[in-house]
N, C-alpha and C. Protein backbone atom coordinates (compact mmCIF):
# COMPACT_ATOMS: atom_id res chain seq x y z
N UNK A 1 0.85 -1.17 0.00
CA UNK A 1 0.00 0.00 0.00
C UNK A 1 0.89 1.23 0.00
N UNK A 2 0.60 2.19 -0.84
CA UNK A 2 1.38 3.41 -0.90
C UNK A 2 1.17 4.21 0.37
N UNK A 3 2.24 4.79 0.88
CA UNK A 3 2.16 5.59 2.09
C UNK A 3 1.78 7.00 1.68
N UNK A 4 0.52 7.35 1.88
CA UNK A 4 0.01 8.65 1.47
C UNK A 4 -0.04 9.60 2.66
N UNK A 5 0.36 10.83 2.46
CA UNK A 5 0.23 11.85 3.50
C UNK A 5 -1.06 12.59 3.22
N UNK A 6 -2.15 12.10 3.80
CA UNK A 6 -3.47 12.65 3.54
C UNK A 6 -3.62 14.06 4.08
N UNK A 7 -2.96 14.37 5.18
CA UNK A 7 -3.03 15.71 5.74
C UNK A 7 -2.34 16.72 4.82
N UNK A 8 -1.25 16.30 4.22
CA UNK A 8 -0.55 17.17 3.26
C UNK A 8 -1.45 17.43 2.04
N UNK A 9 -2.13 16.39 1.57
CA UNK A 9 -3.03 16.55 0.42
C UNK A 9 -4.16 17.52 0.77
N UNK A 10 -4.71 17.41 1.97
CA UNK A 10 -5.77 18.32 2.39
C UNK A 10 -5.26 19.76 2.42
N UNK A 11 -4.04 19.95 2.90
CA UNK A 11 -3.45 21.30 2.94
C UNK A 11 -3.29 21.85 1.52
N UNK A 12 -2.88 21.00 0.58
CA UNK A 12 -2.74 21.42 -0.81
C UNK A 12 -4.08 21.88 -1.38
N UNK A 13 -5.14 21.14 -1.09
CA UNK A 13 -6.47 21.52 -1.58
C UNK A 13 -6.87 22.86 -1.01
N UNK A 14 -6.64 23.07 0.28
CA UNK A 14 -6.99 24.34 0.91
C UNK A 14 -6.19 25.49 0.33
N UNK A 15 -4.90 25.26 0.07
CA UNK A 15 -4.06 26.29 -0.54
C UNK A 15 -4.57 26.67 -1.92
N UNK A 16 -4.98 25.68 -2.71
CA UNK A 16 -5.51 25.95 -4.05
C UNK A 16 -6.81 26.72 -3.95
N UNK A 17 -7.67 26.34 -3.01
CA UNK A 17 -8.94 27.05 -2.82
C UNK A 17 -8.70 28.51 -2.46
N UNK A 18 -7.73 28.75 -1.58
CA UNK A 18 -7.39 30.12 -1.21
C UNK A 18 -6.86 30.91 -2.40
N UNK A 19 -6.04 30.26 -3.18
CA UNK A 19 -5.46 30.91 -4.37
C UNK A 19 -6.55 31.36 -5.33
N UNK A 20 -7.61 30.57 -5.45
CA UNK A 20 -8.67 30.88 -6.40
C UNK A 20 -9.90 31.52 -5.74
N UNK A 21 -9.78 31.89 -4.47
CA UNK A 21 -10.81 32.68 -3.82
C UNK A 21 -12.10 31.95 -3.47
N UNK A 22 -12.05 30.66 -3.26
CA UNK A 22 -13.28 29.92 -2.92
C UNK A 22 -13.25 29.35 -1.50
N UNK A 23 -12.21 29.68 -0.72
CA UNK A 23 -12.06 29.07 0.60
C UNK A 23 -13.14 29.50 1.59
N UNK A 24 -13.86 30.58 1.32
CA UNK A 24 -14.93 31.05 2.21
C UNK A 24 -16.32 30.62 1.74
N UNK A 25 -16.39 29.94 0.62
CA UNK A 25 -17.68 29.48 0.10
C UNK A 25 -18.24 28.39 1.02
N UNK A 26 -19.53 28.52 1.36
CA UNK A 26 -20.17 27.58 2.29
C UNK A 26 -20.08 26.14 1.77
N UNK A 27 -20.34 25.93 0.51
CA UNK A 27 -20.29 24.59 -0.05
C UNK A 27 -18.87 24.02 0.03
N UNK A 28 -17.88 24.87 -0.28
CA UNK A 28 -16.49 24.41 -0.17
C UNK A 28 -16.15 24.06 1.27
N UNK A 29 -16.50 24.94 2.21
CA UNK A 29 -16.15 24.72 3.62
C UNK A 29 -16.76 23.43 4.14
N UNK A 30 -18.05 23.21 3.89
CA UNK A 30 -18.69 22.00 4.42
C UNK A 30 -18.14 20.74 3.76
N UNK A 31 -17.85 20.82 2.48
CA UNK A 31 -17.29 19.66 1.78
C UNK A 31 -15.86 19.40 2.24
N UNK A 32 -15.09 20.47 2.44
CA UNK A 32 -13.72 20.31 2.92
C UNK A 32 -13.70 19.72 4.33
N UNK A 33 -14.61 20.16 5.19
CA UNK A 33 -14.69 19.60 6.55
C UNK A 33 -15.02 18.11 6.49
N UNK A 34 -15.92 17.74 5.59
CA UNK A 34 -16.25 16.32 5.42
C UNK A 34 -15.00 15.55 4.99
N UNK A 35 -14.23 16.13 4.08
CA UNK A 35 -13.00 15.48 3.63
C UNK A 35 -12.01 15.32 4.79
N UNK A 36 -11.92 16.32 5.66
CA UNK A 36 -11.02 16.23 6.81
C UNK A 36 -11.44 15.08 7.74
N UNK A 37 -12.74 14.92 7.95
CA UNK A 37 -13.23 13.82 8.79
C UNK A 37 -12.89 12.48 8.13
N UNK A 38 -13.12 12.40 6.83
CA UNK A 38 -12.79 11.16 6.11
C UNK A 38 -11.30 10.86 6.20
N UNK A 39 -10.48 11.87 6.11
CA UNK A 39 -9.03 11.70 6.23
C UNK A 39 -8.66 11.19 7.61
N UNK A 40 -9.29 11.74 8.65
CA UNK A 40 -9.03 11.29 10.01
C UNK A 40 -9.43 9.82 10.17
N UNK A 41 -10.58 9.46 9.64
CA UNK A 41 -11.05 8.07 9.72
C UNK A 41 -10.08 7.15 8.99
N UNK A 42 -9.64 7.55 7.80
CA UNK A 42 -8.69 6.74 7.04
C UNK A 42 -7.38 6.55 7.81
N UNK A 43 -6.90 7.61 8.43
CA UNK A 43 -5.67 7.50 9.23
C UNK A 43 -5.84 6.51 10.36
N UNK A 44 -6.99 6.58 11.06
CA UNK A 44 -7.26 5.65 12.16
C UNK A 44 -7.36 4.22 11.67
N UNK A 45 -8.04 4.02 10.55
CA UNK A 45 -8.19 2.67 10.00
C UNK A 45 -6.85 2.11 9.54
N UNK A 46 -6.02 2.95 8.93
CA UNK A 46 -4.69 2.51 8.52
C UNK A 46 -3.88 2.06 9.73
N UNK A 47 -3.95 2.82 10.82
CA UNK A 47 -3.23 2.45 12.04
C UNK A 47 -3.75 1.11 12.56
N UNK A 48 -5.06 0.94 12.57
CA UNK A 48 -5.65 -0.32 13.02
C UNK A 48 -5.14 -1.49 12.19
N UNK A 49 -5.07 -1.31 10.88
CA UNK A 49 -4.63 -2.39 10.01
C UNK A 49 -3.14 -2.65 10.13
N UNK A 50 -2.35 -1.61 10.32
CA UNK A 50 -0.90 -1.80 10.49
C UNK A 50 -0.59 -2.51 11.80
N UNK A 51 -1.33 -2.16 12.85
CA UNK A 51 -1.08 -2.71 14.18
C UNK A 51 -1.68 -4.09 14.37
N UNK A 52 -2.61 -4.45 13.52
CA UNK A 52 -3.33 -5.69 13.74
C UNK A 52 -3.06 -6.72 12.67
N UNK A 53 -4.09 -7.45 12.38
CA UNK A 53 -4.02 -8.55 11.44
C UNK A 53 -5.12 -8.36 10.41
N UNK A 54 -4.95 -8.93 9.26
CA UNK A 54 -5.96 -8.82 8.21
C UNK A 54 -7.18 -9.68 8.51
N UNK A 55 -7.05 -10.54 9.49
CA UNK A 55 -8.17 -11.42 9.85
C UNK A 55 -8.57 -11.17 11.30
N UNK A 56 -9.85 -11.38 11.55
CA UNK A 56 -10.38 -11.28 12.91
C UNK A 56 -11.05 -12.60 13.25
N UNK A 57 -10.85 -13.05 14.47
CA UNK A 57 -11.48 -14.29 14.91
C UNK A 57 -12.77 -13.96 15.66
N UNK A 58 -13.75 -14.81 15.47
CA UNK A 58 -15.02 -14.65 16.15
C UNK A 58 -15.51 -16.04 16.53
N UNK A 59 -16.12 -16.12 17.67
CA UNK A 59 -16.63 -17.40 18.14
C UNK A 59 -18.12 -17.49 17.84
N UNK A 60 -18.55 -18.60 17.22
CA UNK A 60 -19.97 -18.76 16.94
C UNK A 60 -20.69 -19.29 18.18
N UNK A 61 -22.00 -19.48 18.07
CA UNK A 61 -22.81 -19.90 19.22
C UNK A 61 -22.41 -21.28 19.74
N UNK A 62 -21.80 -22.10 18.91
CA UNK A 62 -21.36 -23.43 19.31
C UNK A 62 -19.95 -23.43 19.90
N UNK A 63 -19.33 -22.26 19.98
CA UNK A 63 -18.00 -22.16 20.56
C UNK A 63 -16.87 -22.39 19.57
N UNK A 64 -17.18 -22.51 18.29
CA UNK A 64 -16.14 -22.72 17.27
C UNK A 64 -15.58 -21.37 16.82
N UNK A 65 -14.26 -21.33 16.66
CA UNK A 65 -13.60 -20.12 16.17
C UNK A 65 -13.76 -20.03 14.65
N UNK A 66 -14.15 -18.87 14.18
CA UNK A 66 -14.24 -18.62 12.74
C UNK A 66 -13.39 -17.41 12.42
N UNK A 67 -12.68 -17.49 11.31
CA UNK A 67 -11.87 -16.37 10.86
C UNK A 67 -12.64 -15.55 9.83
N UNK A 68 -12.56 -14.27 9.98
CA UNK A 68 -13.19 -13.34 9.06
C UNK A 68 -12.16 -12.32 8.61
N UNK A 69 -12.36 -11.75 7.45
CA UNK A 69 -11.52 -10.64 7.02
C UNK A 69 -11.80 -9.50 7.98
N UNK A 70 -10.75 -8.84 8.42
CA UNK A 70 -10.90 -7.76 9.39
C UNK A 70 -11.90 -6.72 8.86
N UNK A 71 -12.90 -6.34 9.64
CA UNK A 71 -13.90 -5.38 9.18
C UNK A 71 -13.31 -4.02 8.83
N UNK A 72 -12.14 -3.69 9.36
CA UNK A 72 -11.52 -2.40 9.05
C UNK A 72 -11.14 -2.30 7.57
N UNK A 73 -10.90 -3.43 6.93
CA UNK A 73 -10.55 -3.41 5.50
C UNK A 73 -11.73 -2.90 4.68
N UNK A 74 -12.89 -3.46 4.92
CA UNK A 74 -14.09 -3.02 4.19
C UNK A 74 -14.40 -1.56 4.50
N UNK A 75 -14.28 -1.18 5.76
CA UNK A 75 -14.55 0.21 6.15
C UNK A 75 -13.54 1.16 5.52
N UNK A 76 -12.30 0.73 5.45
CA UNK A 76 -11.28 1.56 4.80
C UNK A 76 -11.63 1.79 3.33
N UNK A 77 -12.00 0.71 2.65
CA UNK A 77 -12.34 0.83 1.23
C UNK A 77 -13.56 1.73 1.02
N UNK A 78 -14.57 1.60 1.87
CA UNK A 78 -15.76 2.46 1.76
C UNK A 78 -15.39 3.92 2.00
N UNK A 79 -14.60 4.16 3.02
CA UNK A 79 -14.21 5.53 3.35
C UNK A 79 -13.30 6.11 2.28
N UNK A 80 -12.41 5.29 1.73
CA UNK A 80 -11.53 5.76 0.65
C UNK A 80 -12.35 6.13 -0.58
N UNK A 81 -13.35 5.33 -0.91
CA UNK A 81 -14.22 5.64 -2.06
C UNK A 81 -14.97 6.95 -1.81
N UNK A 82 -15.47 7.12 -0.60
CA UNK A 82 -16.18 8.36 -0.26
C UNK A 82 -15.23 9.56 -0.30
N UNK A 83 -14.00 9.37 0.19
CA UNK A 83 -13.02 10.46 0.16
C UNK A 83 -12.66 10.84 -1.27
N UNK A 84 -12.55 9.84 -2.15
CA UNK A 84 -12.28 10.13 -3.56
C UNK A 84 -13.40 10.97 -4.16
N UNK A 85 -14.64 10.63 -3.85
CA UNK A 85 -15.78 11.40 -4.36
C UNK A 85 -15.78 12.81 -3.78
N UNK A 86 -15.40 12.92 -2.52
CA UNK A 86 -15.36 14.24 -1.90
C UNK A 86 -14.27 15.10 -2.54
N UNK A 87 -13.12 14.52 -2.83
CA UNK A 87 -12.06 15.26 -3.52
C UNK A 87 -12.56 15.71 -4.90
N UNK A 88 -13.25 14.85 -5.60
CA UNK A 88 -13.79 15.23 -6.90
C UNK A 88 -14.76 16.40 -6.77
N UNK A 89 -15.59 16.39 -5.71
CA UNK A 89 -16.51 17.49 -5.48
C UNK A 89 -15.76 18.77 -5.15
N UNK A 90 -14.71 18.67 -4.34
CA UNK A 90 -13.91 19.85 -4.03
C UNK A 90 -13.30 20.45 -5.29
N UNK A 91 -12.80 19.59 -6.16
CA UNK A 91 -12.21 20.06 -7.41
C UNK A 91 -13.28 20.74 -8.26
N UNK A 92 -14.47 20.15 -8.31
CA UNK A 92 -15.56 20.74 -9.08
C UNK A 92 -15.96 22.10 -8.50
N UNK A 93 -16.01 22.21 -7.19
CA UNK A 93 -16.34 23.49 -6.56
C UNK A 93 -15.30 24.54 -6.91
N UNK A 94 -14.03 24.17 -6.79
CA UNK A 94 -12.96 25.13 -7.09
C UNK A 94 -13.00 25.56 -8.54
N UNK A 95 -13.14 24.61 -9.46
CA UNK A 95 -13.12 24.98 -10.88
C UNK A 95 -14.38 25.74 -11.28
N UNK A 96 -15.49 25.48 -10.63
CA UNK A 96 -16.73 26.18 -10.97
C UNK A 96 -16.77 27.59 -10.38
N UNK A 97 -16.27 27.75 -9.17
CA UNK A 97 -16.41 29.02 -8.46
C UNK A 97 -15.17 29.89 -8.48
N UNK A 98 -14.10 29.43 -9.06
CA UNK A 98 -12.88 30.25 -9.03
C UNK A 98 -13.17 31.63 -9.61
N UNK A 99 -12.40 32.59 -9.19
CA UNK A 99 -12.71 33.99 -9.52
C UNK A 99 -12.05 34.47 -10.82
N UNK A 100 -11.95 33.61 -11.80
CA UNK A 100 -11.45 34.02 -13.10
C UNK A 100 -9.94 34.06 -13.21
N UNK A 101 -9.22 33.42 -12.33
CA UNK A 101 -7.76 33.44 -12.37
C UNK A 101 -7.18 32.35 -13.26
N UNK A 102 -7.99 31.73 -14.08
CA UNK A 102 -7.50 30.68 -14.96
C UNK A 102 -7.73 29.30 -14.39
N UNK A 103 -7.45 28.30 -15.20
CA UNK A 103 -7.66 26.91 -14.79
C UNK A 103 -6.58 26.51 -13.77
N UNK A 104 -7.01 26.02 -12.62
CA UNK A 104 -6.02 25.60 -11.62
C UNK A 104 -5.30 24.32 -12.03
N UNK A 105 -4.11 24.43 -12.57
CA UNK A 105 -3.35 23.26 -13.00
C UNK A 105 -2.95 22.38 -11.82
N UNK A 106 -2.89 22.97 -10.63
CA UNK A 106 -2.53 22.21 -9.44
C UNK A 106 -3.51 21.07 -9.19
N UNK A 107 -4.75 21.24 -9.65
CA UNK A 107 -5.78 20.22 -9.40
C UNK A 107 -5.48 18.93 -10.14
N UNK A 108 -4.79 19.01 -11.26
CA UNK A 108 -4.42 17.78 -11.97
C UNK A 108 -3.54 16.91 -11.09
N UNK A 109 -2.66 17.53 -10.32
CA UNK A 109 -1.78 16.80 -9.41
C UNK A 109 -2.58 16.16 -8.27
N UNK A 110 -3.56 16.88 -7.73
CA UNK A 110 -4.38 16.34 -6.65
C UNK A 110 -5.16 15.13 -7.14
N UNK A 111 -5.70 15.18 -8.36
CA UNK A 111 -6.46 14.05 -8.89
C UNK A 111 -5.61 12.80 -8.95
N UNK A 112 -4.34 12.94 -9.26
CA UNK A 112 -3.45 11.80 -9.35
C UNK A 112 -3.07 11.21 -8.00
N UNK A 113 -3.38 11.94 -6.92
CA UNK A 113 -3.00 11.49 -5.58
C UNK A 113 -4.19 10.98 -4.78
N UNK A 114 -5.31 10.69 -5.43
CA UNK A 114 -6.47 10.25 -4.69
C UNK A 114 -6.16 9.02 -3.86
N UNK A 115 -6.90 8.86 -2.80
CA UNK A 115 -6.73 7.74 -1.89
C UNK A 115 -6.97 6.43 -2.63
N UNK A 116 -6.10 5.46 -2.41
CA UNK A 116 -6.21 4.16 -3.05
C UNK A 116 -6.90 3.18 -2.12
N UNK A 117 -7.57 2.20 -2.72
CA UNK A 117 -8.15 1.11 -1.93
C UNK A 117 -7.05 0.16 -1.48
N UNK A 118 -7.24 -0.49 -0.37
CA UNK A 118 -6.28 -1.48 0.09
C UNK A 118 -6.39 -2.70 -0.79
N UNK A 119 -5.26 -3.15 -1.26
CA UNK A 119 -5.23 -4.38 -2.05
C UNK A 119 -4.15 -5.28 -1.49
N UNK A 120 -4.42 -6.54 -1.47
CA UNK A 120 -3.42 -7.52 -1.06
C UNK A 120 -3.17 -7.60 0.43
N UNK A 121 -4.11 -7.14 1.23
CA UNK A 121 -3.92 -7.28 2.69
C UNK A 121 -4.54 -8.56 3.13
């Protein structure tokens, strides 16, 4: 899994929004806050997966141990997909509402850094 600095990416998005004058827009602010929460959740889930195991054991009603894929993997993938959509919305807000300073080329770089799903865990 690629080691992504999600907080750095969030700072880049905020810097671009400020550059294009949309950082005070209500839609941008609420969407950006949602992205920050998603980033925090992803960081916590990554820590859980690094510190733990890809499998979780659970005992059924008969007392038998059953192995399951760790639920954090599915939650990470769901949150990563939601974070990707939120980044796309932030980019759309910036490009739609920018104050005429031209196309933000920096956004092409952000698109290439979207959160990846966990594979091979």
